[in-house]
Amino acid sequence: MTRMDQTSLRRGDEAFRSGRLRKAEGFHEAAEWLHDIDSEDGILAGTSFFANSAVALYVLSGIASADAVCIRATGRYSANGSHDASIAVLRDAAGQPVAKHLQTLLAIKSRAEYDSRSVTGGDIQVARAAAGALLSAAR
């Protein structure tokens, strides 16, 4: 890691890791609740009133899970606010297969939170799977 990368990292202890994991679980549970109350045959459509909210919560769960994974592996997490940097830190801590899930979530984040267009049914399925994989890695 470069010197600049090191300055964007903060130390996290077990209490901090546990707190981030608890938040990840809460965000994930809330997303699942939204998914379940408005899904048809277990599928939440992009046209659902809750589609963007569910995806935003899956993203928040993934970010918190990534912090917990990094702290468990290295005792540090990315704290500079750059999501791209967070992907690199997670990749260093847990490998590309795990970091790929955060990258997937962050690619959907803008559409769910800021864009005038809604997420698609495919976005919801991908976000749900990626958040679930990161939460499993964090546990």
C-alpha atoms as a PDB file:
ATOM      1  CA  MET A   1       0.000   0.000   0.000  1.00  0.00           C
ATOM      2  CA  THR A   2       1.187   3.508  -0.711  1.00  0.00           C
ATOM      3  CA  ARG A   3       1.761   6.134   1.947  1.00  0.00           C
ATOM      4  CA  MET A   4      -1.332   7.986   0.755  1.00  0.00           C
ATOM      5  CA  ASP A   5      -3.416   4.829   1.081  1.00  0.00           C
ATOM      6  CA  GLN A   6      -2.177   4.330   4.642  1.00  0.00           C
ATOM      7  CA  THR A   7      -3.388   7.786   5.676  1.00  0.00           C
ATOM      8  CA  SER A   8      -6.927   6.915   4.600  1.00  0.00           C
ATOM      9  CA  LEU A   9      -7.060   3.977   7.006  1.00  0.00           C
ATOM     10  CA  ARG A  10      -8.249   4.065  10.595  1.00  0.00           C
ATOM     11  CA  ARG A  11      -7.752   1.505  13.303  1.00  0.00           C
ATOM     12  CA  GLY A  12     -10.773  -0.394  14.473  1.00  0.00           C
ATOM     13  CA  ASP A  13     -10.985  -2.593  17.543  1.00  0.00           C
ATOM     14  CA  GLU A  14     -13.347  -5.476  18.289  1.00  0.00           C
ATOM     15  CA  ALA A  15     -15.989  -3.158  19.731  1.00  0.00           C
ATOM     16  CA  PHE A  16     -15.966  -1.050  16.564  1.00  0.00           C
ATOM     17  CA  ARG A  17     -16.066  -4.166  14.363  1.00  0.00           C
ATOM     18  CA  SER A  18     -19.015  -5.538  16.347  1.00  0.00           C
ATOM     19  CA  GLY A  19     -20.828  -2.223  16.030  1.00  0.00           C
ATOM     20  CA  ARG A  20     -20.330  -2.114  12.261  1.00  0.00           C
ATOM     21  CA  LEU A  21     -21.510  -5.721  11.981  1.00  0.00           C
ATOM     22  CA  ARG A  22     -24.617  -4.932  14.027  1.00  0.00           C
ATOM     23  CA  LYS A  23     -25.396  -2.005  11.724  1.00  0.00           C
ATOM     24  CA  ALA A  24     -24.831  -4.219   8.678  1.00  0.00           C
ATOM     25  CA  GLU A  25     -27.289  -6.749  10.075  1.00  0.00           C
ATOM     26  CA  GLY A  26     -29.855  -4.047  10.834  1.00  0.00           C
ATOM     27  CA  PHE A  27     -29.633  -2.472   7.388  1.00  0.00           C
ATOM     28  CA  HIS A  28     -29.870  -5.906   5.792  1.00  0.00           C
ATOM     29  CA  GLU A  29     -32.867  -6.908   7.898  1.00  0.00           C
ATOM     30  CA  ALA A  30     -34.665  -3.656   7.030  1.00  0.00           C
ATOM     31  CA  ALA A  31     -33.963  -4.199   3.321  1.00  0.00           C
ATOM     32  CA  GLU A  32     -35.280  -7.743   3.576  1.00  0.00           C
ATOM     33  CA  TRP A  33     -38.410  -6.472   5.309  1.00  0.00           C
ATOM     34  CA  LEU A  34     -39.050  -3.974   2.508  1.00  0.00           C
ATOM     35  CA  HIS A  35     -38.339  -6.710  -0.007  1.00  0.00           C
ATOM     36  CA  ASP A  36     -40.797  -9.086   1.613  1.00  0.00           C
ATOM     37  CA  ILE A  37     -43.701  -6.692   2.149  1.00  0.00           C
ATOM     38  CA  ASP A  38     -43.887  -5.659  -1.496  1.00  0.00           C
ATOM     39  CA  SER A  39     -42.589  -8.660  -3.410  1.00  0.00           C
ATOM     40  CA  GLU A  40     -44.642 -10.910  -5.599  1.00  0.00           C
ATOM     41  CA  ASP A  41     -43.639 -14.566  -5.553  1.00  0.00           C
ATOM     42  CA  GLY A  42     -40.452 -13.577  -3.700  1.00  0.00           C
ATOM     43  CA  ILE A  43     -39.374 -11.022  -6.311  1.00  0.00           C
ATOM     44  CA  LEU A  44     -39.338  -7.280  -5.686  1.00  0.00           C
ATOM     45  CA  ALA A  45     -39.973  -5.392  -8.926  1.00  0.00           C
ATOM     46  CA  GLY A  46     -38.177  -2.208  -9.900  1.00  0.00           C
ATOM     47  CA  THR A  47     -41.600  -0.582 -10.095  1.00  0.00           C
ATOM     48  CA  SER A  48     -42.210  -1.219  -6.394  1.00  0.00           C
ATOM     49  CA  PHE A  49     -42.553   1.842  -4.181  1.00  0.00           C
ATOM     50  CA  PHE A  50     -39.832   0.347  -1.949  1.00  0.00           C
ATOM     51  CA  ALA A  51     -37.359  -0.757  -4.642  1.00  0.00           C
ATOM     52  CA  ASN A  52     -34.875   2.117  -4.295  1.00  0.00           C
ATOM     53  CA  SER A  53     -35.109   2.126  -0.510  1.00  0.00           C
ATOM     54  CA  ALA A  54     -34.405  -1.595  -0.318  1.00  0.00           C
ATOM     55  CA  VAL A  55     -31.370  -1.282  -2.585  1.00  0.00           C
ATOM     56  CA  ALA A  56     -30.055   1.715  -0.623  1.00  0.00           C
ATOM     57  CA  LEU A  57     -30.299  -0.357   2.563  1.00  0.00           C
ATOM     58  CA  TYR A  58     -28.534  -3.304   0.904  1.00  0.00           C
ATOM     59  CA  VAL A  59     -25.741  -0.889  -0.064  1.00  0.00           C
ATOM     60  CA  LEU A  60     -25.456   0.451   3.485  1.00  0.00           C
ATOM     61  CA  SER A  61     -25.354  -3.111   4.790  1.00  0.00           C
ATOM     62  CA  GLY A  62     -22.581  -3.966   2.336  1.00  0.00           C
ATOM     63  CA  ILE A  63     -20.485  -0.945   3.310  1.00  0.00           C
ATOM     64  CA  ALA A  64     -20.797  -1.733   7.017  1.00  0.00           C
ATOM     65  CA  SER A  65     -20.053  -5.411   6.361  1.00  0.00           C
ATOM     66  CA  ALA A  66     -16.948  -4.470   4.380  1.00  0.00           C
ATOM     67  CA  ASP A  67     -15.673  -2.406   7.313  1.00  0.00           C
ATOM     68  CA  ALA A  68     -16.224  -5.361   9.658  1.00  0.00           C
ATOM     69  CA  VAL A  69     -14.372  -7.712   7.302  1.00  0.00           C
ATOM     70  CA  CYS A  70     -11.427  -5.321   7.000  1.00  0.00           C
ATOM     71  CA  ILE A  71     -11.171  -4.753  10.742  1.00  0.00           C
ATOM     72  CA  ARG A  72     -11.246  -8.480  11.466  1.00  0.00           C
ATOM     73  CA  ALA A  73      -8.549  -9.168   8.861  1.00  0.00           C
ATOM     74  CA  THR A  74      -6.228  -6.186   9.345  1.00  0.00           C
ATOM     75  CA  GLY A  75      -7.436  -4.110  12.289  1.00  0.00           C
ATOM     76  CA  ARG A  76      -8.081  -1.200   9.893  1.00  0.00           C
ATOM     77  CA  TYR A  77     -10.824   0.091   7.627  1.00  0.00           C
ATOM     78  CA  SER A  78     -11.127   2.755   4.939  1.00  0.00           C
ATOM     79  CA  ALA A  79     -12.196   6.079   6.401  1.00  0.00           C
ATOM     80  CA  ASN A  80     -11.578   8.673   3.719  1.00  0.00           C
ATOM     81  CA  GLY A  81     -15.095   8.610   2.259  1.00  0.00           C
ATOM     82  CA  SER A  82     -13.959   7.317  -1.128  1.00  0.00           C
ATOM     83  CA  HIS A  83     -15.867   4.215  -2.047  1.00  0.00           C
ATOM     84  CA  ASP A  84     -13.239   3.289  -4.641  1.00  0.00           C
ATOM     85  CA  ALA A  85     -10.622   3.319  -1.882  1.00  0.00           C
ATOM     86  CA  SER A  86     -12.886   1.122   0.241  1.00  0.00           C
ATOM     87  CA  ILE A  87     -12.956  -1.485  -2.532  1.00  0.00           C
ATOM     88  CA  ALA A  88      -9.154  -1.527  -2.653  1.00  0.00           C
ATOM     89  CA  VAL A  89      -8.859  -1.825   1.130  1.00  0.00           C
ATOM     90  CA  LEU A  90     -11.370  -4.698   1.151  1.00  0.00           C
ATOM     91  CA  ARG A  91      -9.532  -6.377  -1.733  1.00  0.00           C
ATOM     92  CA  ASP A  92      -6.275  -6.188   0.258  1.00  0.00           C
ATOM     93  CA  ALA A  93      -7.973  -7.570   3.376  1.00  0.00           C
ATOM     94  CA  ALA A  94     -10.160 -10.320   1.921  1.00  0.00           C
ATOM     95  CA  GLY A  95      -9.357 -10.804  -1.765  1.00  0.00           C
ATOM     96  CA  GLN A  96     -11.027  -9.921  -5.038  1.00  0.00           C
ATOM     97  CA  PRO A  97     -13.964 -12.351  -4.746  1.00  0.00           C
ATOM     98  CA  VAL A  98     -15.184 -10.535  -1.599  1.00  0.00           C
ATOM     99  CA  ALA A  99     -14.309  -7.038  -2.883  1.00  0.00           C
ATOM    100  CA  LYS A 100     -16.314  -7.740  -6.045  1.00  0.00           C
ATOM    101  CA  HIS A 101     -19.514  -7.690  -3.975  1.00  0.00           C
ATOM    102  CA  LEU A 102     -18.804  -4.199  -2.632  1.00  0.00           C
ATOM    103  CA  GLN A 103     -17.920  -3.022  -6.126  1.00  0.00           C
ATOM    104  CA  THR A 104     -21.257  -4.379  -7.365  1.00  0.00           C
ATOM    105  CA  LEU A 105     -23.211  -2.579  -4.650  1.00  0.00           C
ATOM    106  CA  LEU A 106     -21.438   0.721  -5.192  1.00  0.00           C
ATOM    107  CA  ALA A 107     -22.174   0.551  -8.914  1.00  0.00           C
ATOM    108  CA  ILE A 108     -25.905   0.426  -8.098  1.00  0.00           C
ATOM    109  CA  LYS A 109     -25.777   3.000  -5.273  1.00  0.00           C
ATOM    110  CA  SER A 110     -26.130   6.149  -7.385  1.00  0.00           C
ATOM    111  CA  ARG A 111     -29.157   4.892  -9.262  1.00  0.00           C
ATOM    112  CA  ALA A 112     -30.918   3.895  -6.043  1.00  0.00           C
ATOM    113  CA  GLU A 113     -30.096   7.054  -4.116  1.00  0.00           C
ATOM    114  CA  TYR A 114     -29.543   9.959  -6.527  1.00  0.00           C
ATOM    115  CA  ASP A 115     -30.754   9.195 -10.048  1.00  0.00           C
ATOM    116  CA  SER A 116     -34.236  10.097 -11.248  1.00  0.00           C
ATOM    117  CA  ARG A 117     -34.523   6.598 -12.713  1.00  0.00           C
ATOM    118  CA  SER A 118     -35.467   3.720 -10.451  1.00  0.00           C
ATOM    119  CA  VAL A 119     -33.461   0.565  -9.960  1.00  0.00           C
ATOM    120  CA  THR A 120     -34.487  -2.447 -12.012  1.00  0.00           C
ATOM    121  CA  GLY A 121     -35.611  -5.836 -10.815  1.00  0.00           C
ATOM    122  CA  GLY A 122     -32.182  -7.120 -11.823  1.00  0.00           C
ATOM    123  CA  ASP A 123     -30.471  -4.418  -9.754  1.00  0.00           C
ATOM    124  CA  ILE A 124     -32.500  -5.498  -6.728  1.00  0.00           C
ATOM    125  CA  GLN A 125     -31.558  -9.151  -7.132  1.00  0.00           C
ATOM    126  CA  VAL A 126     -27.876  -8.324  -7.623  1.00  0.00           C
ATOM    127  CA  ALA A 127     -27.811  -5.936  -4.642  1.00  0.00           C
ATOM    128  CA  ARG A 128     -29.547  -8.467  -2.413  1.00  0.00           C
ATOM    129  CA  ALA A 129     -27.077 -11.213  -3.323  1.00  0.00           C
ATOM    130  CA  ALA A 130     -24.017  -8.967  -2.946  1.00  0.00           C
ATOM    131  CA  ALA A 131     -25.143  -7.605   0.430  1.00  0.00           C
ATOM    132  CA  GLY A 132     -25.871 -11.118   1.642  1.00  0.00           C
ATOM    133  CA  ALA A 133     -22.441 -12.335   0.560  1.00  0.00           C
ATOM    134  CA  LEU A 134     -20.683  -9.440   2.326  1.00  0.00           C
ATOM    135  CA  LEU A 135     -22.726  -9.972   5.480  1.00  0.00           C
ATOM    136  CA  SER A 136     -21.785 -13.662   5.461  1.00  0.00           C
ATOM    137  CA  ALA A 137     -18.107 -12.718   5.064  1.00  0.00           C
ATOM    138  CA  ALA A 138     -18.385 -10.266   7.974  1.00  0.00           C
ATOM    139  CA  ARG A 139     -19.911 -12.847  10.306  1.00  0.00           C
END
